[in-house]
Every structure is written in C-alpha cells, then in structure tokens.
Amino acid sequence: MLLSTTHATMQVAADLAPRKLPRMWPASTAQVTTQAESVEEQVLAFCQQAKSRAEIQEHLGLKDREHFRKEILNPLLDSGQLLRTLPDKPTSPNQQFYTAQGEYAEGRVNE
C-alpha cells in the first residue's frame, strides 16, 4: 500500500513540474524592434504639420514625459528626422515639432 501511494505522489509531482519552454528571445527582440520603428514612423507621419510634445504623446497614448523625451523625441531630433519650430528655444512651452518633409517645412522654405 505504501508503494502505490508513493508512486501516485511522484506521478502528481511529475505532472505539476514546470516544463522547459523553447527560447523565444529572437522573436521577442524582433517584435520590440518592430514596435520601436513603428512608434518612430507614427511620430513622423503625425508631425507632417507642427505638433506640440503633448499632442504627440497623446497621439501615441504615452503618459511618461521623461521616457517619451529620452527614448523617442530626442533620437528623432538628433537624427534630423524631426525639427523644432523654435530651434533657439528648445525648452519653450510653445515649442512644436515637425518632420523635415512635412507641410510646415515646405511652408517655411517658401516664405
């Protein structure tokens, strides 16, 4: 009787043991990269006309201003894909951002 109880307990323990899952890192990394590119593309598409930081964040559904500035806005500004309407006043509350190919840029060139 003791043997069958022990065997049953071992079988239950084996059924509950965690199973090894296949590695998913390459797929996850690819997904994160795709999402990051997607966010940049969304910002550039949205900023064909000048938009404020708050408008861009709201469009993306992001609430953390610091994360948005460091991870999304600054890299786009540094790469020249996104421009400031007031380049001499980067911290102005009236600051807006636009793409180099957007309507705002074309209007500025023609003035």
Protein backbone atom coordinates (compact mmCIF):
# COMPACT_ATOMS: atom_id res chain seq x y z
CA MET A 1 0.00 0.00 0.00
CA LEU A 2 2.82 2.37 0.83
CA LEU A 3 4.44 1.73 -2.54
CA SER A 4 1.33 2.67 -4.54
CA THR A 5 0.80 5.88 -2.50
CA THR A 6 4.41 6.91 -3.08
CA HIS A 7 4.12 6.14 -6.79
CA ALA A 8 0.91 8.20 -7.04
CA THR A 9 2.55 11.13 -5.21
CA MET A 10 5.55 11.00 -7.56
CA GLN A 11 3.23 10.95 -10.59
CA VAL A 12 1.33 14.04 -9.35
CA ALA A 13 4.63 15.81 -8.67
CA ALA A 14 5.85 15.00 -12.20
CA ASP A 15 2.61 16.34 -13.69
CA LEU A 16 3.00 19.59 -11.77
CA ALA A 17 6.70 20.08 -12.51
CA PRO A 18 7.45 23.05 -14.74
CA ARG A 19 8.15 22.15 -18.33
CA LYS A 20 11.00 23.65 -20.28
CA LEU A 21 9.75 26.08 -22.92
CA PRO A 22 11.58 26.84 -26.16
CA ARG A 23 13.60 30.06 -26.25
CA MET A 24 11.68 32.97 -27.70
CA TRP A 25 14.32 35.72 -27.47
CA PRO A 26 14.94 36.27 -31.18
CA ALA A 27 11.21 36.66 -31.86
CA SER A 28 10.77 38.95 -28.87
CA THR A 29 13.70 41.12 -29.91
CA ALA A 30 12.33 41.38 -33.42
CA GLN A 31 8.94 42.35 -32.05
CA VAL A 32 10.42 45.08 -29.84
CA THR A 33 12.44 46.44 -32.77
CA THR A 34 9.35 46.47 -34.96
CA GLN A 35 7.38 48.28 -32.27
CA ALA A 36 10.13 50.88 -31.84
CA GLU A 37 10.26 51.51 -35.58
CA SER A 38 6.52 51.72 -35.62
CA VAL A 39 6.50 54.42 -32.94
CA GLU A 40 9.08 56.48 -34.83
CA GLU A 41 7.09 56.09 -38.04
CA GLN A 42 3.90 57.12 -36.23
CA VAL A 43 5.57 60.28 -34.89
CA LEU A 44 6.97 61.23 -38.29
CA ALA A 45 3.62 60.64 -40.01
CA PHE A 46 1.74 62.60 -37.32
CA CYS A 47 4.16 65.55 -37.44
CA GLN A 48 3.69 66.43 -41.10
CA GLN A 49 2.22 69.59 -39.55
CA ALA A 50 3.82 71.08 -36.42
CA LYS A 51 2.63 69.43 -33.18
CA SER A 52 3.40 70.01 -29.52
CA ARG A 53 5.04 67.38 -27.32
CA ALA A 54 1.75 66.86 -25.51
CA GLU A 55 -0.13 66.33 -28.80
CA ILE A 56 2.42 63.75 -29.97
CA GLN A 57 2.33 61.89 -26.65
CA GLU A 58 -1.46 61.86 -26.64
CA HIS A 59 -1.50 60.56 -30.23
CA LEU A 60 0.81 57.70 -29.19
CA GLY A 61 -1.04 57.04 -25.93
CA LEU A 62 2.09 57.63 -23.83
CA LYS A 63 1.93 59.29 -20.42
CA ASP A 64 5.54 59.30 -19.18
CA ARG A 65 7.03 62.57 -20.46
CA GLU A 66 10.61 61.66 -19.49
CA HIS A 67 10.51 58.29 -21.28
CA PHE A 68 8.98 59.90 -24.37
CA ARG A 69 11.62 62.63 -24.45
CA LYS A 70 14.63 60.33 -23.91
CA GLU A 71 13.59 57.30 -25.95
CA ILE A 72 11.55 58.76 -28.81
CA LEU A 73 11.74 62.54 -29.21
CA ASN A 74 15.49 63.15 -28.67
CA PRO A 75 16.65 60.37 -31.04
CA LEU A 76 14.39 61.74 -33.80
CA LEU A 77 15.68 65.27 -33.18
CA ASP A 78 19.31 64.10 -33.08
CA SER A 79 18.93 62.23 -36.37
CA GLY A 80 17.42 65.30 -38.07
CA GLN A 81 14.18 63.49 -38.92
CA LEU A 82 12.22 65.76 -36.59
CA LEU A 83 12.77 69.52 -36.29
CA ARG A 84 11.81 72.22 -33.78
CA THR A 85 9.68 75.23 -34.69
CA LEU A 86 11.76 77.30 -32.22
CA PRO A 87 15.28 75.90 -32.56
CA ASP A 88 16.80 78.70 -30.44
CA LYS A 89 14.41 77.93 -27.57
CA PRO A 90 14.35 74.14 -27.08
CA THR A 91 12.54 74.32 -23.71
CA SER A 92 9.91 76.87 -24.73
CA PRO A 93 6.35 75.92 -23.73
CA ASN A 94 5.37 76.99 -27.26
CA GLN A 95 7.81 74.51 -28.85
CA GLN A 96 6.42 72.30 -31.58
CA PHE A 97 7.94 69.59 -33.74
CA TYR A 98 7.61 68.74 -37.42
CA THR A 99 9.19 66.46 -40.00
CA ALA A 100 11.73 67.82 -42.45
CA GLN A 101 9.46 66.74 -45.33
CA GLY A 102 6.21 67.94 -43.76
CA GLU A 103 3.90 70.76 -44.79
CA TYR A 104 5.33 73.04 -42.11
CA ALA A 105 8.86 72.67 -43.50
CA GLU A 106 7.68 73.36 -47.06
CA GLY A 107 5.81 76.46 -45.89
CA ARG A 108 8.92 77.74 -44.09
CA VAL A 109 11.10 77.22 -47.16
CA ASN A 110 8.70 79.14 -49.41
CA GLU A 111 8.45 82.16 -47.09
